[in-house]
Protein backbone atom coordinates (compact mmCIF):
# COMPACT_ATOMS: atom_id res chain seq x y z
CA MET A 1 82.84 86.96 -66.01
CA GLU A 2 81.08 87.32 -69.35
CA LEU A 3 78.54 84.55 -69.98
CA SER A 4 80.20 83.18 -73.14
CA LYS A 5 83.59 83.01 -71.40
CA LEU A 6 82.10 81.31 -68.34
CA GLN A 7 80.30 78.85 -70.61
CA ARG A 8 83.58 78.04 -72.38
CA LEU A 9 85.37 77.69 -69.03
CA VAL A 10 82.80 75.11 -67.88
CA ILE A 11 82.88 73.16 -71.15
CA ASP A 12 86.69 73.07 -71.18
CA ALA A 13 86.75 71.86 -67.56
CA LEU A 14 84.25 69.11 -68.38
CA GLU A 15 86.15 68.05 -71.48
CA ASP A 16 89.41 67.90 -69.52
CA VAL A 17 87.92 65.02 -67.50
CA LYS A 18 86.38 63.33 -70.57
CA ALA A 19 82.72 64.26 -70.04
CA THR A 20 80.39 62.83 -72.67
CA ASP A 21 77.12 64.01 -74.21
CA ILE A 22 77.61 67.65 -73.21
CA LYS A 23 74.54 69.78 -73.87
CA VAL A 24 74.11 73.53 -73.33
CA PHE A 25 70.70 75.20 -73.11
CA ASN A 26 69.69 78.86 -73.01
CA THR A 27 67.25 79.30 -70.13
CA ALA A 28 67.12 83.11 -70.02
CA ASP A 29 63.52 83.19 -71.28
CA MET A 30 62.41 80.46 -68.86
CA THR A 31 63.76 81.76 -65.55
CA SER A 32 65.51 84.81 -64.16
CA LEU A 33 67.63 82.64 -61.84
CA PHE A 34 70.22 81.58 -64.44
CA ASP A 35 70.95 81.95 -68.15
CA ARG A 36 72.39 78.53 -69.04
CA ILE A 37 72.05 74.89 -68.09
CA ILE A 38 74.96 72.64 -68.98
CA ILE A 39 74.40 68.87 -68.72
CA ALA A 40 77.22 66.34 -69.01
CA SER A 41 77.53 62.61 -68.42
CA GLY A 42 80.15 60.65 -66.56
CA THR A 43 80.45 56.88 -66.60
CA SER A 44 80.84 56.34 -62.85
CA ASN A 45 80.36 58.01 -59.47
CA ARG A 46 84.06 58.78 -59.43
CA GLN A 47 83.95 60.42 -62.85
CA THR A 48 80.88 62.57 -62.13
CA ARG A 49 82.57 63.80 -58.95
CA ALA A 50 85.75 64.47 -60.97
CA LEU A 51 83.75 66.41 -63.58
CA ALA A 52 82.22 68.59 -60.88
CA ARG A 53 85.57 69.06 -59.15
CA SER A 54 87.17 70.10 -62.46
CA VAL A 55 84.48 72.75 -63.00
CA PHE A 56 84.80 73.90 -59.37
CA THR A 57 88.58 74.23 -59.64
CA ALA A 58 88.46 76.03 -63.00
CA ALA A 59 85.86 78.48 -61.67
CA ARG A 60 87.80 79.13 -58.47
CA ASP A 61 91.02 79.69 -60.45
CA LYS A 62 89.26 82.42 -62.46
CA ASN A 63 87.69 83.98 -59.33
CA VAL A 64 84.18 82.85 -60.26
CA ASP A 65 81.97 82.28 -57.24
CA VAL A 66 80.59 78.79 -56.87
CA ILE A 67 77.32 79.42 -55.05
CA SER A 68 76.76 75.78 -54.21
CA ILE A 69 77.70 72.24 -55.07
CA GLU A 70 75.38 69.35 -54.27
CA GLY A 71 75.50 65.59 -54.74
CA GLU A 72 79.20 64.91 -54.29
CA ASP A 73 78.49 62.39 -51.57
CA THR A 74 76.87 59.87 -53.95
CA GLY A 75 78.29 61.09 -57.26
CA GLU A 76 75.29 59.93 -59.27
CA TRP A 77 74.19 63.51 -59.96
CA VAL A 78 76.35 66.48 -58.97
CA VAL A 79 75.00 70.01 -59.43
CA LEU A 80 77.08 73.18 -59.40
CA ASP A 81 75.52 76.63 -59.23
CA LEU A 82 77.79 79.25 -60.77
CA GLY A 83 75.16 81.98 -60.76
CA ASP A 84 74.55 82.51 -64.47
CA ILE A 85 75.19 78.82 -65.24
CA VAL A 86 73.97 75.67 -63.51
CA VAL A 87 76.00 72.55 -64.31
CA HIS A 88 74.59 69.02 -64.00
CA CYS A 89 77.11 66.15 -64.01
CA MET A 90 75.10 62.94 -64.21
CA GLN A 91 75.44 59.24 -64.79
CA PRO A 92 73.60 58.11 -67.95
CA ALA A 93 70.85 56.12 -66.17
CA ILE A 94 70.06 59.05 -63.85
CA ARG A 95 70.17 61.47 -66.77
CA GLN A 96 67.80 59.34 -68.80
CA TYR A 97 65.40 58.93 -65.88
CA TYR A 98 65.15 62.65 -65.00
CA ASN A 99 65.36 63.83 -68.64
CA LEU A 100 66.38 67.42 -67.90
CA GLU A 101 66.64 68.04 -71.64
CA ALA A 102 62.83 67.78 -71.84
CA ILE A 103 62.47 70.44 -69.13
CA TRP A 104 65.21 72.90 -70.10
CA GLY A 105 66.06 71.92 -73.67
CA GLY A 106 63.86 74.33 -75.60
CA LYS A 107 66.77 76.47 -76.77
CA PRO A 108 69.97 74.52 -77.37
CA VAL A 109 73.12 76.61 -77.61
CA ARG A 110 75.55 75.69 -80.36
CA VAL A 111 79.03 75.26 -78.94
CA LYS A 112 82.24 73.77 -80.22
CA LEU A 113 82.93 70.43 -78.54
CA LEU A 114 85.63 67.81 -78.77
CA PRO A 115 84.52 64.59 -80.53
CA HIS A 116 84.44 62.52 -77.32
CA SER A 117 82.16 65.14 -75.73
CA LEU A 118 79.44 64.54 -78.33
CA THR A 119 78.92 60.82 -77.82
CA LYS A 120 76.37 59.37 -75.48
CA PRO A 121 77.80 56.85 -73.06
CA GLU A 122 76.19 53.46 -73.11
CA SER A 123 73.90 52.82 -70.16
CA PRO A 124 74.88 49.82 -68.06
CA PHE A 125 71.31 48.62 -68.53
CA SER A 126 71.33 48.79 -72.33
CA GLN A 127 72.67 45.23 -72.60
CA PHE A 128 70.16 43.86 -70.09
CA ASP A 129 67.43 41.68 -71.54
CA PRO A 130 64.81 40.75 -68.90
CA GLN A 131 63.69 37.82 -71.07
CA ASN A 132 67.19 36.37 -71.22
CA PRO A 133 69.17 37.25 -68.05
């Protein structure tokens, strides 16, 4: 499948399950292993697993090979390898900690997203004040 169509397929599958803070990065100049990284957030283990399952199902329905899927057991960070695109479905705290955008984010790809896909979910720790528990 053409890269732009595969990219759209992944984004649509993520948006169908209400992924937030979707980012797409061009990695073609950084590695020969894949051309895009897509990172999306889910608010719970169940949602990150659902995001990954939505991408898996959409890819399978279009006869796109899913080379591997990792992390479904915990659901904190699920990775799908679609060959040309690697998809990371992460909970906000895990995403913030590993900061994949700093590693792969040199070349953001402009894509059309639904409004809910642009917002960053609030971390469960953002309300925590260690001085006033």
